[in-house]
Amino acid sequence: MKFLVIYKTPVSVLDKWMETPPEARKEMEEKMGAEWNAWLKQHADHVKETAGAGKTKLVTKDGIADARNDIMMYSIVEADSQEAAAKMYEGHSHLQIPEATIEIMQANVLPGMQ
């Protein structure tokens, strides 16, 4: 089964993070990056794709506008069940970020939408 994994952090937390001195940010980012890479190595057979989410454009019936949301990254993972996919993320380094969350939902391919 395929699952869409969304890594989220509130915009306000990211704004505050950017106020952290660059040398302190670099040290913490390197620590989390190393932990993420170790986690990824352990789960490489299940994680099929991961990417950072860039700047957001919001499209409505009224037009297109710049927007911000809490989505930082996404992954596509394969697991036997949603519970098994969720278990992989217990203790994930992303959760060290204040108020961060990880959402996992089954990716249901719609007929004719492939």
Protein backbone atom coordinates (compact mmCIF):
# COMPACT_ATOMS: atom_id res chain seq x y z
CA MET A 1 0.00 0.00 0.00
CA LYS A 2 1.16 3.55 -0.73
CA PHE A 3 0.94 6.39 1.77
CA LEU A 4 1.38 10.14 1.53
CA VAL A 5 3.37 11.48 4.49
CA ILE A 6 3.19 15.20 5.23
CA TYR A 7 5.75 16.82 7.55
CA LYS A 8 4.23 19.94 9.09
CA THR A 9 5.48 22.79 11.28
CA PRO A 10 3.50 25.94 12.09
CA VAL A 11 4.57 28.99 10.07
CA SER A 12 5.02 30.93 13.33
CA VAL A 13 7.56 28.35 14.55
CA LEU A 14 9.51 28.62 11.28
CA ASP A 15 9.49 32.42 11.49
CA LYS A 16 10.89 32.24 15.03
CA TRP A 17 13.49 29.68 13.90
CA MET A 18 14.77 32.12 11.28
CA GLU A 19 15.52 34.57 14.13
CA THR A 20 17.97 32.02 15.62
CA PRO A 21 21.61 32.98 14.98
CA PRO A 22 22.90 31.21 11.84
CA GLU A 23 25.68 29.33 13.67
CA ALA A 24 23.21 27.89 16.18
CA ARG A 25 20.76 26.98 13.38
CA LYS A 26 23.51 25.26 11.41
CA GLU A 27 24.51 23.09 14.37
CA MET A 28 20.92 22.02 15.09
CA GLU A 29 20.15 21.46 11.40
CA GLU A 30 23.24 19.25 11.00
CA LYS A 31 22.24 17.20 14.06
CA MET A 32 18.69 16.70 12.80
CA GLY A 33 19.95 15.98 9.27
CA ALA A 34 22.27 13.26 10.53
CA GLU A 35 19.44 11.72 12.56
CA TRP A 36 17.10 11.93 9.54
CA ASN A 37 19.68 10.21 7.33
CA ALA A 38 20.13 7.42 9.89
CA TRP A 39 16.34 6.98 10.03
CA LEU A 40 16.13 6.96 6.23
CA LYS A 41 18.83 4.33 5.96
CA GLN A 42 16.85 2.14 8.35
CA HIS A 43 13.63 2.60 6.31
CA ALA A 44 15.07 2.90 2.78
CA ASP A 45 13.02 -0.05 1.49
CA HIS A 46 9.79 1.78 2.38
CA VAL A 47 10.51 5.44 1.54
CA LYS A 48 10.09 5.86 -2.20
CA GLU A 49 10.31 9.65 -2.50
CA THR A 50 10.89 12.65 -0.24
CA ALA A 51 10.97 16.33 -1.18
CA GLY A 52 10.75 19.72 0.45
CA ALA A 53 7.68 21.81 -0.21
CA GLY A 54 8.47 25.17 -1.78
CA LYS A 55 6.65 28.47 -1.77
CA THR A 56 2.89 28.22 -2.07
CA LYS A 57 0.50 29.64 -4.64
CA LEU A 58 -3.15 29.50 -3.66
CA VAL A 59 -5.61 29.13 -6.53
CA THR A 60 -9.24 30.03 -5.88
CA LYS A 61 -12.19 31.00 -8.06
CA ASP A 62 -11.05 34.59 -7.50
CA GLY A 63 -7.55 34.06 -8.85
CA ILE A 64 -4.01 33.21 -7.74
CA ALA A 65 -2.22 34.56 -4.68
CA ASP A 66 0.91 33.91 -2.64
CA ALA A 67 0.17 31.94 0.51
CA ARG A 68 1.85 30.18 3.41
CA ASN A 69 0.98 26.89 5.07
CA ASP A 70 2.46 24.46 7.59
CA ILE A 71 3.68 21.86 5.05
CA MET A 72 7.48 21.57 5.04
CA MET A 73 8.02 18.29 3.18
CA TYR A 74 6.33 15.18 1.90
CA SER A 75 7.22 11.55 1.36
CA ILE A 76 5.66 8.65 -0.49
CA VAL A 77 6.10 5.45 1.49
CA GLU A 78 5.03 1.86 1.04
CA ALA A 79 3.93 -0.24 3.99
CA ASP A 80 1.60 -3.13 4.75
CA SER A 81 -0.85 -0.86 6.59
CA GLN A 82 -1.36 2.72 7.76
CA GLU A 83 -0.48 1.60 11.28
CA ALA A 84 2.80 0.10 10.03
CA ALA A 85 3.60 3.32 8.17
CA ALA A 86 2.84 5.39 11.27
CA LYS A 87 5.02 3.17 13.47
CA MET A 88 8.01 3.96 11.21
CA TYR A 89 7.68 7.62 12.19
CA GLU A 90 7.63 7.22 15.96
CA GLY A 91 10.57 9.23 17.31
CA HIS A 92 11.37 10.74 13.87
CA SER A 93 13.80 13.69 14.00
CA HIS A 94 11.20 16.04 12.46
CA LEU A 95 9.29 15.78 15.73
CA GLN A 96 12.13 17.59 17.55
CA ILE A 97 10.86 20.83 16.01
CA PRO A 98 8.41 22.54 18.40
CA GLU A 99 4.77 21.83 17.46
CA ALA A 100 5.83 19.71 14.47
CA THR A 101 3.59 16.89 13.29
CA ILE A 102 3.67 14.13 10.70
CA GLU A 103 0.46 13.14 8.92
CA ILE A 104 0.15 9.80 7.15
CA MET A 105 -2.71 9.02 4.81
CA GLN A 106 -3.32 6.24 2.33
CA ALA A 107 -2.77 7.29 -1.28
CA ASN A 108 -5.86 6.08 -3.14
CA VAL A 109 -5.44 6.14 -6.90
CA LEU A 110 -8.73 7.22 -8.45
CA PRO A 111 -9.90 5.33 -11.54
CA GLY A 112 -9.01 7.26 -14.67
CA MET A 113 -6.79 9.71 -12.74
CA GLN A 114 -3.46 7.93 -13.13
